[in-house]
Amino acid sequence: MIFNYKVRTQAGVLKNGSFEASSREEAVLILQKQQLIITELSLQKLPFYKRELGSFNGVSKAEVVIFSRQLSFLFEAKIPLNDSLKILGEQITNHRFKRVIEDISYNVDAGMLFSKALVSHKGIFSDFYIALVRSGEMAGKLQDVLNYLANYQEREFNLISKIKSAITYPIFILIFFLIVITLMLTFVVPQLAAVFRDNNISLPAITTIVIAISDFLKKYYGYIITFIALFFVSFLLYKRTQSGQDLIDLMKLKIPFVKDIYRKFYLARIADTLSTMVVGGLPIIQAIQVTMDVVDNKVYREVLLDAEDKVKKGVTLSNALKKDKNIIPPLFCQMLTIGEISGKLDLTLKTIAEFYQKEINYTIDKLTVLIEPILTVFLGVFIGLFIFAIMSPMYSIIQTF
């Protein structure tokens, strides 16, 4: 392993660099033997081609959930954070995750906040995770936050699994269908087209279109493959830019069917996070600021930023969020008003979060029921037209004999 370091000599001179060591303990001993005062020591991130393959040595979401749950249990048993991290680090079997926990444990031992120690490992711990840990530290309720995070990640994992299972079958069918149709257009249709031309058959319009598509694919397949590859690569590169991410955030809330799921997902996340912050004793302004870091969508971040400014001027949160009913529905604001009037904002926010989580499950179930029949009708019509386009001229040839 390669470690980056920043040290101070006995004369007070600052130095930095990197070197290789088998463990963090060995790295510390090497620097201490040189009578250097360590101010920072972190594991160097390797370039992608040197990193361990994720499928074998990566850290899964399930492992992070288990880590959060176990850390919460150790907190409940009144075991200090640094000792808890060392205990978990010793029992983790995933070598990569083990090194990550050891690195976090070392930084916490050195006096760094747990949330700051997590920042160096954003590939494993999300911004949402780090923001909530930071809020737990600020409110003095780290155990509750870790327990909440484990519950939240389990809900999110189950939700994503549900979405994947709902769309896996249709996607598989569509891909298989496209492969079969492409093979037919590339190899079968050109041979049939030659037969039709040899027999001077008058072709229906739909057959002419199918043959034209076949000729186009056969003639320009290289350009088509290149275009698709370039488009895919360009999309991935654009997605990494700020403007690309902003556009994707906007499209998530515009695409039919999908927009309802995303809107309810972000509303549930906002309510869930605000509830956790309020229960933790954070002022509403700080709660909104943390939620902005968590929401992970530009549109909703802007709504929350605007709400923060209004709340600072004395406007209630329910009124501050009344900006666009397509982004924050009236029901959300009405329920918030009830919570503010009753003095039970935290419970109201929790109820809102649970409401929208149930709505997400209902929407997914409804889409799952609709997708299969719609897909069946679409493929049936398409295949029927394709068969008609091929068989109609064939029937004419048979009649000539």
Protein backbone atom coordinates (compact mmCIF):
# COMPACT_ATOMS: atom_id res chain seq x y z
CA MET A 1 0.00 0.00 0.00
CA ILE A 2 1.13 3.55 -0.75
CA PHE A 3 0.56 6.28 1.85
CA ASN A 4 0.57 10.05 1.40
CA TYR A 5 1.90 11.97 4.37
CA LYS A 6 2.33 15.48 5.74
CA VAL A 7 4.80 15.83 8.61
CA ARG A 8 6.62 18.45 10.64
CA THR A 9 10.29 18.11 11.54
CA GLN A 10 11.69 18.86 15.01
CA ALA A 11 12.73 22.23 13.62
CA GLY A 12 9.15 22.96 12.57
CA VAL A 13 9.65 22.50 8.82
CA LEU A 14 6.63 21.09 6.95
CA LYS A 15 7.22 18.21 4.55
CA ASN A 16 4.98 16.00 2.44
CA GLY A 17 5.38 12.99 0.17
CA SER A 18 4.44 9.36 -0.25
CA PHE A 19 5.97 5.94 0.37
CA GLU A 20 5.03 2.27 0.43
CA ALA A 21 4.24 0.27 3.56
CA SER A 22 2.45 -2.98 4.29
CA SER A 23 0.08 -1.36 6.82
CA ARG A 24 -0.75 1.94 8.45
CA GLU A 25 1.02 0.89 11.65
CA GLU A 26 4.23 0.24 9.71
CA ALA A 27 3.90 3.62 7.96
CA VAL A 28 3.54 5.38 11.32
CA LEU A 29 6.62 3.58 12.73
CA ILE A 30 8.72 4.51 9.67
CA LEU A 31 7.91 8.19 10.09
CA GLN A 32 8.30 8.17 13.87
CA LYS A 33 11.75 6.54 13.62
CA GLN A 34 12.79 9.60 11.60
CA GLN A 35 11.59 11.76 14.53
CA LEU A 36 8.91 13.34 12.36
CA ILE A 37 5.63 14.68 13.75
CA ILE A 38 2.75 13.28 11.67
CA THR A 39 0.06 15.82 10.80
CA GLU A 40 -1.70 13.79 8.11
CA LEU A 41 -1.43 10.21 6.81
CA SER A 42 -3.80 8.75 4.23
CA LEU A 43 -3.94 5.79 1.88
CA GLN A 44 -3.18 6.82 -1.69
CA LYS A 45 -5.94 6.27 -4.24
CA LEU A 46 -4.67 4.16 -7.10
CA PRO A 47 -5.49 4.82 -10.77
CA PHE A 48 -8.46 2.82 -12.05
CA TYR A 49 -6.35 0.25 -13.90
CA LYS A 50 -4.52 -0.67 -10.66
CA ARG A 51 -7.58 -0.85 -8.43
CA GLU A 52 -8.96 -4.11 -7.19
CA LEU A 53 -11.80 -5.47 -9.26
CA GLY A 54 -15.12 -4.49 -7.67
CA SER A 55 -16.88 -7.82 -8.20
CA PHE A 56 -14.28 -9.61 -6.10
CA ASN A 57 -12.79 -7.00 -3.76
CA GLY A 58 -15.33 -4.14 -3.86
CA VAL A 59 -17.61 -3.06 -1.04
CA SER A 60 -21.28 -3.80 -1.53
CA LYS A 61 -24.17 -1.76 -0.18
CA ALA A 62 -25.12 -4.72 1.99
CA GLU A 63 -21.70 -4.58 3.71
CA VAL A 64 -22.10 -0.87 4.41
CA VAL A 65 -25.57 -1.53 5.85
CA ILE A 66 -24.20 -4.27 8.13
CA PHE A 67 -21.31 -2.02 9.18
CA SER A 68 -23.72 0.79 10.09
CA ARG A 69 -25.99 -1.58 12.02
CA GLN A 70 -23.10 -3.16 13.96
CA LEU A 71 -21.56 0.22 14.72
CA SER A 72 -24.93 1.36 16.07
CA PHE A 73 -25.11 -1.75 18.29
CA LEU A 74 -21.62 -1.06 19.66
CA PHE A 75 -22.60 2.54 20.37
CA GLU A 76 -25.66 1.28 22.22
CA ALA A 77 -23.32 -0.88 24.32
CA LYS A 78 -21.47 2.35 25.28
CA ILE A 79 -18.27 1.35 23.45
CA PRO A 80 -16.30 4.44 22.25
CA LEU A 81 -16.21 5.17 18.52
CA ASN A 82 -12.50 4.47 18.01
CA ASP A 83 -12.75 1.12 19.85
CA SER A 84 -15.90 0.22 17.89
CA LEU A 85 -14.13 0.89 14.60
CA LYS A 86 -11.16 -1.26 15.62
CA ILE A 87 -13.47 -4.13 16.63
CA LEU A 88 -15.34 -3.98 13.32
CA GLY A 89 -12.10 -3.63 11.37
CA GLU A 90 -10.78 -6.86 12.86
CA GLN A 91 -13.86 -8.91 11.96
CA ILE A 92 -14.45 -7.61 8.43
CA THR A 93 -13.41 -10.26 5.89
CA ASN A 94 -13.50 -8.02 2.81
CA HIS A 95 -9.85 -6.91 2.51
CA ARG A 96 -10.61 -3.62 0.81
CA PHE A 97 -13.32 -2.65 3.29
CA LYS A 98 -11.03 -3.73 6.13
CA ARG A 99 -8.32 -1.32 4.98
CA VAL A 100 -10.89 1.46 4.63
CA ILE A 101 -12.15 0.96 8.20
CA GLU A 102 -8.57 0.81 9.48
CA ASP A 103 -7.85 4.12 7.73
CA ILE A 104 -10.98 5.71 9.23
CA SER A 105 -10.12 4.28 12.67
CA TYR A 106 -6.62 5.75 12.51
CA ASN A 107 -7.92 9.22 11.58
CA VAL A 108 -10.53 9.12 14.35
CA ASP A 109 -7.81 8.09 16.82
CA ALA A 110 -5.80 11.09 15.65
CA GLY A 111 -8.69 13.39 16.61
CA MET A 112 -10.49 13.72 13.29
CA LEU A 113 -14.29 13.80 13.26
CA PHE A 114 -15.91 10.57 12.06
CA SER A 115 -17.71 12.39 9.22
CA LYS A 116 -14.45 13.96 8.01
CA ALA A 117 -12.71 10.58 8.12
CA LEU A 118 -15.47 9.21 5.89
CA VAL A 119 -14.94 11.94 3.26
CA SER A 120 -11.74 10.23 2.03
CA HIS A 121 -13.82 7.19 1.06
CA LYS A 122 -16.72 8.72 -0.86
CA GLY A 123 -16.70 5.81 -3.26
CA ILE A 124 -18.03 3.65 -0.41
CA PHE A 125 -19.83 6.17 1.80
CA SER A 126 -22.16 8.47 -0.13
CA ASP A 127 -22.57 12.22 0.39
CA PHE A 128 -25.92 11.42 1.97
CA TYR A 129 -24.28 9.04 4.45
CA ILE A 130 -21.56 11.54 5.35
CA ALA A 131 -24.04 14.43 5.70
CA LEU A 132 -26.22 12.46 8.10
CA VAL A 133 -23.23 11.30 10.16
CA ARG A 134 -22.18 14.97 10.37
CA SER A 135 -25.67 15.91 11.54
CA GLY A 136 -25.58 13.10 14.14
CA GLU A 137 -22.27 14.43 15.46
CA MET A 138 -23.67 17.95 15.63
CA ALA A 139 -26.80 16.79 17.47
CA GLY A 140 -24.98 14.27 19.69
CA LYS A 141 -27.12 11.43 18.33
CA LEU A 142 -24.68 9.46 16.23
CA GLN A 143 -26.10 6.11 17.36
CA ASP A 144 -29.62 7.06 16.24
CA VAL A 145 -28.28 8.34 12.92
CA LEU A 146 -26.33 5.15 12.22
CA ASN A 147 -29.39 3.07 13.01
CA TYR A 148 -31.47 5.29 10.75
CA LEU A 149 -28.88 5.01 7.98
CA ALA A 150 -28.98 1.22 8.14
CA ASN A 151 -32.80 1.27 7.96
CA TYR A 152 -32.72 3.83 5.15
CA GLN A 153 -30.18 1.88 3.11
CA GLU A 154 -32.21 -1.29 3.54
CA ARG A 155 -35.32 0.51 2.27
CA GLU A 156 -33.40 2.00 -0.65
CA PHE A 157 -31.78 -1.35 -1.49
CA ASN A 158 -35.17 -3.09 -1.44
CA LEU A 159 -36.67 -0.31 -3.56
CA ILE A 160 -33.90 -0.49 -6.16
CA SER A 161 -34.16 -4.29 -6.21
CA LYS A 162 -37.89 -3.98 -6.76
CA ILE A 163 -37.39 -1.57 -9.66
CA LYS A 164 -34.71 -3.79 -11.20
CA SER A 165 -36.87 -6.90 -10.95
CA ALA A 166 -39.77 -4.99 -12.51
CA ILE A 167 -37.78 -3.86 -15.56
CA THR A 168 -35.37 -6.79 -16.02
CA TYR A 169 -37.90 -8.99 -17.84
CA PRO A 170 -39.12 -6.29 -20.27
CA ILE A 171 -35.55 -5.17 -21.03
CA PHE A 172 -34.45 -8.76 -21.66
CA ILE A 173 -37.40 -9.31 -24.01
CA LEU A 174 -36.74 -6.07 -25.89
CA ILE A 175 -33.01 -6.79 -26.30
CA PHE A 176 -33.73 -10.34 -27.50
CA PHE A 177 -36.38 -9.00 -29.87
CA LEU A 178 -34.01 -6.35 -31.31
CA ILE A 179 -31.27 -8.95 -31.86
CA VAL A 180 -33.65 -11.30 -33.69
CA ILE A 181 -35.09 -8.49 -35.85
CA THR A 182 -31.60 -7.19 -36.67
CA LEU A 183 -30.46 -10.67 -37.74
CA MET A 184 -33.60 -11.07 -39.86
CA LEU A 185 -33.09 -7.70 -41.54
CA THR A 186 -29.40 -8.35 -42.12
CA PHE A 187 -29.41 -11.96 -43.36
CA VAL A 188 -32.93 -13.17 -44.21
CA VAL A 189 -34.66 -10.13 -45.74
CA PRO A 190 -31.89 -9.46 -48.36
CA GLN A 191 -32.28 -13.04 -49.70
CA LEU A 192 -36.05 -12.70 -49.87
CA ALA A 193 -35.71 -9.29 -51.54
CA ALA A 194 -33.57 -10.89 -54.28
CA VAL A 195 -36.31 -13.51 -54.85
CA PHE A 196 -38.95 -10.79 -55.10
CA ARG A 197 -36.89 -8.87 -57.65
CA ASP A 198 -36.20 -11.97 -59.76
CA ASN A 199 -39.94 -12.68 -59.97
CA ASN A 200 -40.90 -9.03 -60.63
CA ILE A 201 -43.37 -9.08 -57.73
CA SER A 202 -45.30 -5.89 -57.02
CA LEU A 203 -44.44 -5.15 -53.39
CA PRO A 204 -46.76 -3.59 -50.79
CA ALA A 205 -45.60 -0.32 -49.21
CA ILE A 206 -44.78 -2.01 -45.90
CA THR A 207 -42.57 -4.61 -47.65
CA THR A 208 -40.76 -1.86 -49.52
CA ILE A 209 -40.06 -0.09 -46.22
CA VAL A 210 -38.75 -3.29 -44.59
CA ILE A 211 -36.43 -3.97 -47.56
CA ALA A 212 -35.20 -0.34 -47.53
CA ILE A 213 -34.37 -0.64 -43.81
CA SER A 214 -32.59 -3.94 -44.49
CA ASP A 215 -30.52 -2.42 -47.31
CA PHE A 216 -29.63 0.54 -45.12
CA LEU A 217 -28.49 -1.69 -42.24
CA LYS A 218 -26.45 -3.93 -44.52
CA LYS A 219 -24.77 -1.00 -46.27
CA TYR A 220 -24.06 1.23 -43.28
CA TYR A 221 -23.83 -1.19 -40.35
CA GLY A 222 -20.25 -0.11 -39.62
CA TYR A 223 -21.25 3.56 -39.42
CA ILE A 224 -24.29 2.68 -37.30
CA ILE A 225 -22.20 0.72 -34.77
CA THR A 226 -19.63 3.52 -34.65
CA PHE A 227 -22.34 6.14 -34.16
CA ILE A 228 -23.96 4.16 -31.33
CA ALA A 229 -20.57 3.65 -29.62
CA LEU A 230 -19.66 7.35 -29.95
CA PHE A 231 -23.08 8.42 -28.73
CA PHE A 232 -22.78 6.13 -25.69
CA VAL A 233 -19.26 7.35 -24.82
CA SER A 234 -20.26 11.00 -25.35
CA PHE A 235 -23.26 10.54 -23.10
CA LEU A 236 -21.11 9.05 -20.33
CA LEU A 237 -18.59 11.91 -20.60
CA TYR A 238 -21.33 14.56 -20.69
CA LYS A 239 -23.02 12.93 -17.71
CA ARG A 240 -19.89 13.59 -15.65
CA THR A 241 -20.02 17.33 -16.33
CA GLN A 242 -22.04 19.73 -14.16
CA SER A 243 -24.30 20.75 -17.05
CA GLY A 244 -24.85 17.09 -17.92
CA GLN A 245 -25.79 16.22 -14.35
CA ASP A 246 -28.13 19.23 -14.19
CA LEU A 247 -29.86 18.13 -17.39
CA ILE A 248 -30.27 14.57 -16.08
CA ASP A 249 -31.70 15.93 -12.82
CA LEU A 250 -34.25 17.91 -14.83
CA MET A 251 -35.11 15.01 -17.16
CA LYS A 252 -35.78 12.73 -14.19
CA LEU A 253 -38.69 15.01 -13.33
CA LYS A 254 -39.97 15.33 -16.92
CA ILE A 255 -39.99 11.80 -18.40
CA PRO A 256 -43.51 10.25 -18.26
CA PHE A 257 -44.05 7.38 -15.78
CA VAL A 258 -40.53 7.74 -14.34
CA LYS A 259 -41.09 11.32 -13.14
CA ASP A 260 -43.70 10.28 -10.58
CA ILE A 261 -41.34 7.78 -8.98
CA TYR A 262 -38.45 10.26 -8.81
CA ARG A 263 -40.59 13.08 -7.41
CA LYS A 264 -41.98 10.88 -4.66
CA PHE A 265 -38.49 9.52 -3.99
CA TYR A 266 -37.04 13.03 -3.50
CA LEU A 267 -40.01 14.16 -1.40
CA ALA A 268 -39.60 11.10 0.84
CA ARG A 269 -35.87 11.79 1.16
CA ILE A 270 -36.45 15.47 2.02
CA ALA A 271 -39.07 14.64 4.66
CA ASP A 272 -37.00 11.76 6.05
CA THR A 273 -33.85 13.87 6.36
CA LEU A 274 -35.61 16.91 7.83
CA SER A 275 -37.31 14.64 10.35
CA THR A 276 -33.96 13.16 11.41
CA MET A 277 -32.42 16.64 11.73
CA VAL A 278 -35.32 18.06 13.76
CA VAL A 279 -35.36 15.03 16.09
CA GLY A 280 -31.61 15.51 16.51
CA GLY A 281 -32.26 19.02 17.80
CA LEU A 282 -30.79 20.95 14.86
CA PRO A 283 -32.26 24.38 14.07
CA ILE A 284 -34.49 24.33 11.00
CA ILE A 285 -31.97 26.40 8.97
CA GLN A 286 -29.19 23.84 9.54
CA ALA A 287 -31.64 21.02 8.86
CA ILE A 288 -32.46 22.55 5.47
CA GLN A 289 -28.75 23.00 4.68
CA VAL A 290 -28.00 19.34 5.42
CA THR A 291 -31.03 18.26 3.38
CA MET A 292 -29.70 20.24 0.40
CA ASP A 293 -26.53 18.14 0.52
CA VAL A 294 -28.58 14.95 0.74
CA VAL A 295 -31.34 15.47 -1.84
CA ASP A 296 -29.01 14.84 -4.85
CA ASN A 297 -31.09 16.76 -7.41
CA LYS A 298 -30.47 20.31 -8.64
CA VAL A 299 -34.16 21.20 -8.96
CA TYR A 300 -34.94 20.29 -5.36
CA ARG A 301 -31.69 21.82 -4.10
CA GLU A 302 -32.76 25.15 -5.62
CA VAL A 303 -36.20 24.87 -3.99
CA LEU A 304 -34.57 24.20 -0.62
CA LEU A 305 -32.07 27.03 -1.11
CA ASP A 306 -34.93 29.42 -1.79
CA ALA A 307 -36.79 28.05 1.23
CA GLU A 308 -33.72 28.60 3.42
CA ASP A 309 -33.62 32.29 2.48
CA LYS A 310 -37.34 32.69 3.23
CA VAL A 311 -37.12 30.87 6.58
CA LYS A 312 -34.26 33.19 7.59
CA LYS A 313 -36.65 36.09 6.99
CA GLY A 314 -39.25 34.55 9.29
CA VAL A 315 -41.42 32.63 6.83
CA THR A 316 -42.63 29.21 7.98
CA LEU A 317 -41.17 26.15 6.25
CA SER A 318 -44.55 25.12 4.81
CA ASN A 319 -45.00 28.54 3.16
CA ALA A 320 -41.34 28.72 2.10
CA LEU A 321 -41.72 25.50 0.09
CA LYS A 322 -44.80 26.74 -1.82
CA LYS A 323 -42.92 27.48 -5.03
CA ASP A 324 -44.05 25.03 -7.69
CA LYS A 325 -46.86 22.54 -7.07
CA ASN A 326 -45.29 20.14 -9.61
CA ILE A 327 -42.11 20.04 -7.51
CA ILE A 328 -43.54 20.34 -3.98
CA PRO A 329 -47.22 19.27 -4.10
CA PRO A 330 -49.85 21.15 -1.99
CA LEU A 331 -50.40 18.02 0.13
CA PHE A 332 -46.77 18.14 1.31
CA CYS A 333 -47.09 21.78 2.39
CA GLN A 334 -50.52 21.25 3.99
CA MET A 335 -49.18 18.40 6.14
CA LEU A 336 -46.19 20.55 7.10
CA THR A 337 -48.57 23.32 8.18
CA ILE A 338 -50.39 20.90 10.47
CA GLY A 339 -47.06 19.83 12.01
CA GLU A 340 -46.01 23.45 12.58
CA ILE A 341 -49.35 24.39 14.18
CA SER A 342 -49.43 21.29 16.42
CA GLY A 343 -45.76 21.63 17.40
CA LYS A 344 -45.05 18.11 16.13
CA LEU A 345 -43.06 18.87 13.00
CA ASP A 346 -40.72 15.89 13.44
CA LEU A 347 -43.60 13.38 13.61
CA THR A 348 -45.38 15.04 10.70
CA LEU A 349 -42.24 14.87 8.55
CA LYS A 350 -41.83 11.21 9.42
CA THR A 351 -45.46 10.59 8.42
CA ILE A 352 -44.89 12.42 5.12
CA ALA A 353 -41.80 10.29 4.42
CA GLU A 354 -43.70 7.06 5.12
CA PHE A 355 -46.61 8.25 2.96
CA TYR A 356 -44.40 8.88 -0.06
CA GLN A 357 -42.47 5.65 0.43
CA LYS A 358 -45.77 3.77 0.24
CA GLU A 359 -46.71 5.82 -2.81
CA ILE A 360 -43.45 4.79 -4.50
CA ASN A 361 -44.17 1.10 -3.86
CA TYR A 362 -47.72 1.51 -5.16
CA THR A 363 -46.52 3.31 -8.31
CA ILE A 364 -43.92 0.63 -9.03
CA ASP A 365 -46.47 -2.15 -8.53
CA LYS A 366 -48.88 -0.37 -10.88
CA LEU A 367 -46.18 0.08 -13.54
CA THR A 368 -45.18 -3.56 -13.23
CA VAL A 369 -48.76 -4.62 -13.92
CA LEU A 370 -48.99 -2.30 -16.95
CA ILE A 371 -45.57 -2.94 -18.52
CA GLU A 372 -46.08 -6.59 -19.50
CA PRO A 373 -49.42 -6.23 -21.36
CA ILE A 374 -48.23 -3.03 -23.09
CA LEU A 375 -45.01 -4.78 -24.14
CA THR A 376 -46.95 -7.84 -25.32
CA VAL A 377 -49.29 -5.72 -27.48
CA PHE A 378 -46.39 -3.67 -28.90
CA LEU A 379 -44.32 -6.73 -29.84
CA GLY A 380 -47.39 -8.53 -31.17
CA VAL A 381 -48.28 -5.64 -33.51
CA PHE A 382 -44.68 -5.20 -34.65
CA ILE A 383 -44.14 -8.91 -35.32
CA GLY A 384 -47.52 -9.13 -37.08
CA LEU A 385 -46.61 -6.28 -39.42
CA PHE A 386 -43.18 -7.79 -40.07
CA ILE A 387 -44.66 -11.20 -40.92
CA PHE A 388 -47.25 -9.57 -43.18
CA ALA A 389 -44.50 -7.61 -44.97
CA ILE A 390 -42.63 -10.86 -45.70
CA MET A 391 -45.50 -13.25 -46.34
CA SER A 392 -47.64 -11.03 -48.57
CA PRO A 393 -45.16 -11.09 -51.52
CA MET A 394 -44.46 -14.78 -50.86
CA TYR A 395 -48.17 -15.50 -51.25
CA SER A 396 -48.10 -13.69 -54.62
CA ILE A 397 -45.18 -15.88 -55.77
CA ILE A 398 -47.03 -19.05 -54.75
CA GLN A 399 -50.10 -17.96 -56.76
CA THR A 400 -48.01 -17.64 -59.94
CA PHE A 401 -47.18 -21.38 -59.90
